[in-house]
Amino acid sequence: MKFRVKSEESIKRKALKFDGDIAKVYDLIGIRYVLLNEEYSSLLKESITNINCFEVKQIKDYTLSGHPDDPSYKAIHLR
C-alpha cells in the first residue's frame, strides 16, 4: 500500500478548474493498493464500498478495457 498527499501547487492548479474552490478538489489524498490479480481487486473494491464510514460517490473500473488514454492501464478508482 502506498499513499500520497497532493502537493500545494497541484491543489492550486486543480482548484482553478473549480473557480478556485479548494473544497471541490476531491483527490487531496490518494491510497494505492497494488494487488496480484483482478480477483483481489474486486474483493478489495467490495470491502471498501461496504464500509459504513465511507461514502463512495463514484467508481471508475478500468480492469476490463483499460483506461481510454492507455488500454494497458488497469485500475479501479473509488471516489
N, C-alpha and C. Protein backbone atom coordinates (compact mmCIF):
# COMPACT_ATOMS: atom_id res chain seq x y z
N MET A 1 0.85 -1.17 0.00
CA MET A 1 0.00 0.00 0.00
C MET A 1 0.90 1.23 0.00
N LYS A 2 0.57 2.19 -0.85
CA LYS A 2 1.26 3.47 -0.90
C LYS A 2 0.22 4.57 -0.78
N PHE A 3 0.65 5.71 -0.28
CA PHE A 3 -0.27 6.83 -0.21
C PHE A 3 0.47 8.09 -0.63
N ARG A 4 -0.30 9.10 -0.95
CA ARG A 4 0.29 10.39 -1.27
C ARG A 4 -0.68 11.49 -0.87
N VAL A 5 -0.11 12.63 -0.57
CA VAL A 5 -0.89 13.84 -0.33
C VAL A 5 -0.57 14.77 -1.48
N LYS A 6 -1.58 15.29 -2.12
CA LYS A 6 -1.38 16.16 -3.29
C LYS A 6 -0.57 17.38 -2.87
N SER A 7 0.37 17.78 -3.73
CA SER A 7 1.21 18.94 -3.43
C SER A 7 0.38 20.23 -3.46
N GLU A 8 0.87 21.24 -2.78
CA GLU A 8 0.16 22.52 -2.72
C GLU A 8 -0.02 23.10 -4.12
N GLU A 9 1.02 23.00 -4.95
CA GLU A 9 0.94 23.53 -6.31
C GLU A 9 -0.12 22.79 -7.14
N SER A 10 -0.17 21.47 -6.98
CA SER A 10 -1.15 20.67 -7.71
C SER A 10 -2.58 20.99 -7.25
N ILE A 11 -2.74 21.22 -5.95
CA ILE A 11 -4.05 21.59 -5.41
C ILE A 11 -4.51 22.92 -6.02
N LYS A 12 -3.61 23.88 -6.08
CA LYS A 12 -3.97 25.19 -6.65
C LYS A 12 -4.37 25.06 -8.11
N ARG A 13 -3.59 24.27 -8.89
CA ARG A 13 -3.92 24.09 -10.31
C ARG A 13 -5.30 23.44 -10.48
N LYS A 14 -5.57 22.41 -9.66
CA LYS A 14 -6.84 21.71 -9.79
C LYS A 14 -8.00 22.60 -9.31
N ALA A 15 -7.77 23.39 -8.26
CA ALA A 15 -8.82 24.27 -7.74
C ALA A 15 -9.24 25.30 -8.78
N LEU A 16 -8.32 25.69 -9.65
CA LEU A 16 -8.67 26.65 -10.70
C LEU A 16 -9.75 26.11 -11.62
N LYS A 17 -9.81 24.78 -11.78
CA LYS A 17 -10.86 24.17 -12.59
C LYS A 17 -12.23 24.33 -11.94
N PHE A 18 -12.22 24.58 -10.61
CA PHE A 18 -13.46 24.73 -9.84
C PHE A 18 -13.60 26.16 -9.35
N ASP A 19 -13.19 27.13 -10.16
CA ASP A 19 -13.25 28.56 -9.81
C ASP A 19 -12.53 28.86 -8.50
N GLY A 20 -11.44 28.15 -8.23
CA GLY A 20 -10.64 28.40 -7.05
C GLY A 20 -11.14 27.77 -5.77
N ASP A 21 -12.21 26.99 -5.85
CA ASP A 21 -12.81 26.38 -4.66
C ASP A 21 -12.09 25.08 -4.30
N ILE A 22 -11.18 25.17 -3.32
CA ILE A 22 -10.39 24.00 -2.91
C ILE A 22 -11.28 22.90 -2.34
N ALA A 23 -12.42 23.27 -1.78
CA ALA A 23 -13.32 22.26 -1.20
C ALA A 23 -13.83 21.29 -2.25
N LYS A 24 -13.80 21.68 -3.52
CA LYS A 24 -14.28 20.80 -4.58
C LYS A 24 -13.19 19.88 -5.13
N VAL A 25 -11.96 20.04 -4.67
CA VAL A 25 -10.86 19.17 -5.10
C VAL A 25 -10.99 17.87 -4.30
N TYR A 26 -11.40 16.80 -4.99
CA TYR A 26 -11.76 15.57 -4.29
C TYR A 26 -10.61 14.61 -4.07
N ASP A 27 -9.46 14.84 -4.67
CA ASP A 27 -8.37 13.86 -4.53
C ASP A 27 -7.15 14.45 -3.83
N LEU A 28 -7.38 15.09 -2.69
CA LEU A 28 -6.27 15.66 -1.93
C LEU A 28 -5.36 14.56 -1.37
N ILE A 29 -5.94 13.44 -1.05
CA ILE A 29 -5.20 12.29 -0.52
C ILE A 29 -5.55 11.08 -1.38
N GLY A 30 -4.55 10.30 -1.72
CA GLY A 30 -4.79 9.10 -2.51
C GLY A 30 -4.13 7.90 -1.87
N ILE A 31 -4.74 6.75 -1.99
CA ILE A 31 -4.17 5.49 -1.49
C ILE A 31 -4.13 4.52 -2.66
N ARG A 32 -2.98 3.86 -2.82
CA ARG A 32 -2.83 2.90 -3.90
C ARG A 32 -2.53 1.52 -3.32
N TYR A 33 -3.32 0.58 -3.75
CA TYR A 33 -3.08 -0.82 -3.43
C TYR A 33 -2.66 -1.51 -4.73
N VAL A 34 -1.55 -2.21 -4.69
CA VAL A 34 -1.12 -2.99 -5.85
C VAL A 34 -1.36 -4.45 -5.48
N LEU A 35 -2.22 -5.11 -6.26
CA LEU A 35 -2.65 -6.47 -5.93
C LEU A 35 -2.21 -7.46 -6.99
N LEU A 36 -2.22 -8.72 -6.64
CA LEU A 36 -1.72 -9.76 -7.53
C LEU A 36 -2.60 -10.03 -8.75
N ASN A 37 -3.91 -9.89 -8.59
CA ASN A 37 -4.80 -10.19 -9.71
C ASN A 37 -6.12 -9.43 -9.59
N GLU A 38 -6.93 -9.53 -10.62
CA GLU A 38 -8.20 -8.80 -10.65
C GLU A 38 -9.19 -9.30 -9.61
N GLU A 39 -9.09 -10.57 -9.25
CA GLU A 39 -10.00 -11.10 -8.21
C GLU A 39 -9.78 -10.37 -6.90
N TYR A 40 -8.51 -10.16 -6.53
CA TYR A 40 -8.22 -9.43 -5.30
C TYR A 40 -8.70 -7.98 -5.40
N SER A 41 -8.58 -7.40 -6.59
CA SER A 41 -9.05 -6.02 -6.79
C SER A 41 -10.55 -5.93 -6.55
N SER A 42 -11.28 -6.88 -7.09
CA SER A 42 -12.74 -6.89 -6.90
C SER A 42 -13.11 -7.08 -5.43
N LEU A 43 -12.39 -7.96 -4.73
CA LEU A 43 -12.67 -8.18 -3.31
C LEU A 43 -12.39 -6.92 -2.49
N LEU A 44 -11.29 -6.23 -2.80
CA LEU A 44 -10.97 -5.00 -2.08
C LEU A 44 -12.01 -3.93 -2.37
N LYS A 45 -12.42 -3.80 -3.63
CA LYS A 45 -13.45 -2.82 -4.00
C LYS A 45 -14.74 -3.08 -3.23
N GLU A 46 -15.16 -4.34 -3.17
CA GLU A 46 -16.38 -4.69 -2.43
C GLU A 46 -16.23 -4.39 -0.94
N SER A 47 -15.07 -4.69 -0.39
CA SER A 47 -14.82 -4.42 1.04
C SER A 47 -14.93 -2.94 1.34
N ILE A 48 -14.31 -2.12 0.51
CA ILE A 48 -14.32 -0.67 0.74
C ILE A 48 -15.72 -0.10 0.56
N THR A 49 -16.44 -0.53 -0.47
CA THR A 49 -17.77 0.03 -0.71
C THR A 49 -18.78 -0.40 0.34
N ASN A 50 -18.47 -1.45 1.09
CA ASN A 50 -19.39 -1.92 2.13
C ASN A 50 -19.07 -1.37 3.52
N ILE A 51 -18.05 -0.54 3.64
CA ILE A 51 -17.71 0.07 4.93
C ILE A 51 -18.61 1.28 5.14
N ASN A 52 -19.30 1.32 6.25
CA ASN A 52 -20.28 2.38 6.51
C ASN A 52 -19.68 3.77 6.67
N CYS A 53 -18.40 3.87 7.07
CA CYS A 53 -17.83 5.20 7.32
C CYS A 53 -17.35 5.88 6.03
N PHE A 54 -17.42 5.17 4.90
CA PHE A 54 -17.05 5.76 3.61
C PHE A 54 -18.31 6.00 2.78
N GLU A 55 -18.31 7.08 2.07
CA GLU A 55 -19.37 7.34 1.10
C GLU A 55 -18.72 7.31 -0.28
N VAL A 56 -18.96 6.26 -1.02
CA VAL A 56 -18.39 6.13 -2.36
C VAL A 56 -19.28 6.90 -3.32
N LYS A 57 -18.72 7.94 -3.94
CA LYS A 57 -19.50 8.79 -4.84
C LYS A 57 -19.35 8.38 -6.29
N GLN A 58 -18.24 7.72 -6.60
CA GLN A 58 -18.01 7.37 -8.00
C GLN A 58 -17.05 6.19 -8.06
N ILE A 59 -17.30 5.29 -8.99
CA ILE A 59 -16.39 4.17 -9.23
C ILE A 59 -16.05 4.17 -10.71
N LYS A 60 -14.76 4.18 -11.01
CA LYS A 60 -14.29 4.03 -12.39
C LYS A 60 -13.49 2.73 -12.43
N ASP A 61 -14.00 1.77 -13.14
CA ASP A 61 -13.36 0.45 -13.20
C ASP A 61 -12.71 0.27 -14.57
N TYR A 62 -11.40 0.30 -14.58
CA TYR A 62 -10.63 0.15 -15.81
C TYR A 62 -10.00 -1.23 -15.92
N THR A 63 -10.49 -2.20 -15.16
CA THR A 63 -9.86 -3.51 -15.16
C THR A 63 -10.15 -4.31 -16.43
N LEU A 64 -11.29 -4.11 -17.04
CA LEU A 64 -11.63 -4.91 -18.22
C LEU A 64 -11.07 -4.32 -19.52
N SER A 65 -11.35 -3.05 -19.77
CA SER A 65 -10.96 -2.47 -21.05
C SER A 65 -9.78 -1.52 -20.97
N GLY A 66 -9.28 -1.27 -19.76
CA GLY A 66 -8.20 -0.31 -19.62
C GLY A 66 -8.72 1.11 -19.67
N HIS A 67 -7.84 2.06 -19.46
CA HIS A 67 -8.18 3.48 -19.49
C HIS A 67 -8.31 3.92 -20.95
N PRO A 68 -9.23 4.84 -21.26
CA PRO A 68 -9.39 5.28 -22.65
C PRO A 68 -8.09 5.82 -23.27
N ASP A 69 -7.25 6.46 -22.45
CA ASP A 69 -5.99 7.01 -22.96
C ASP A 69 -4.86 5.97 -23.02
N ASP A 70 -5.02 4.88 -22.27
CA ASP A 70 -3.97 3.85 -22.23
C ASP A 70 -4.61 2.50 -21.92
N PRO A 71 -4.89 1.70 -22.94
CA PRO A 71 -5.57 0.42 -22.73
C PRO A 71 -4.81 -0.57 -21.83
N SER A 72 -3.51 -0.35 -21.64
CA SER A 72 -2.75 -1.27 -20.76
C SER A 72 -2.90 -0.90 -19.28
N TYR A 73 -3.45 0.28 -19.00
CA TYR A 73 -3.65 0.74 -17.63
C TYR A 73 -4.85 0.03 -17.03
N LYS A 74 -4.64 -0.73 -15.98
CA LYS A 74 -5.71 -1.48 -15.31
C LYS A 74 -5.82 -1.00 -13.87
N ALA A 75 -6.98 -0.48 -13.51
CA ALA A 75 -7.16 0.05 -12.17
C ALA A 75 -8.63 0.22 -11.85
N ILE A 76 -8.92 0.35 -10.57
CA ILE A 76 -10.25 0.72 -10.10
C ILE A 76 -10.08 1.98 -9.27
N HIS A 77 -10.79 3.04 -9.63
CA HIS A 77 -10.74 4.29 -8.89
C HIS A 77 -12.03 4.43 -8.10
N LEU A 78 -11.92 4.61 -6.81
CA LEU A 78 -13.08 4.87 -5.95
C LEU A 78 -12.96 6.30 -5.46
N ARG A 79 -14.02 7.03 -5.60
CA ARG A 79 -14.04 8.41 -5.10
C ARG A 79 -15.09 8.53 -4.04
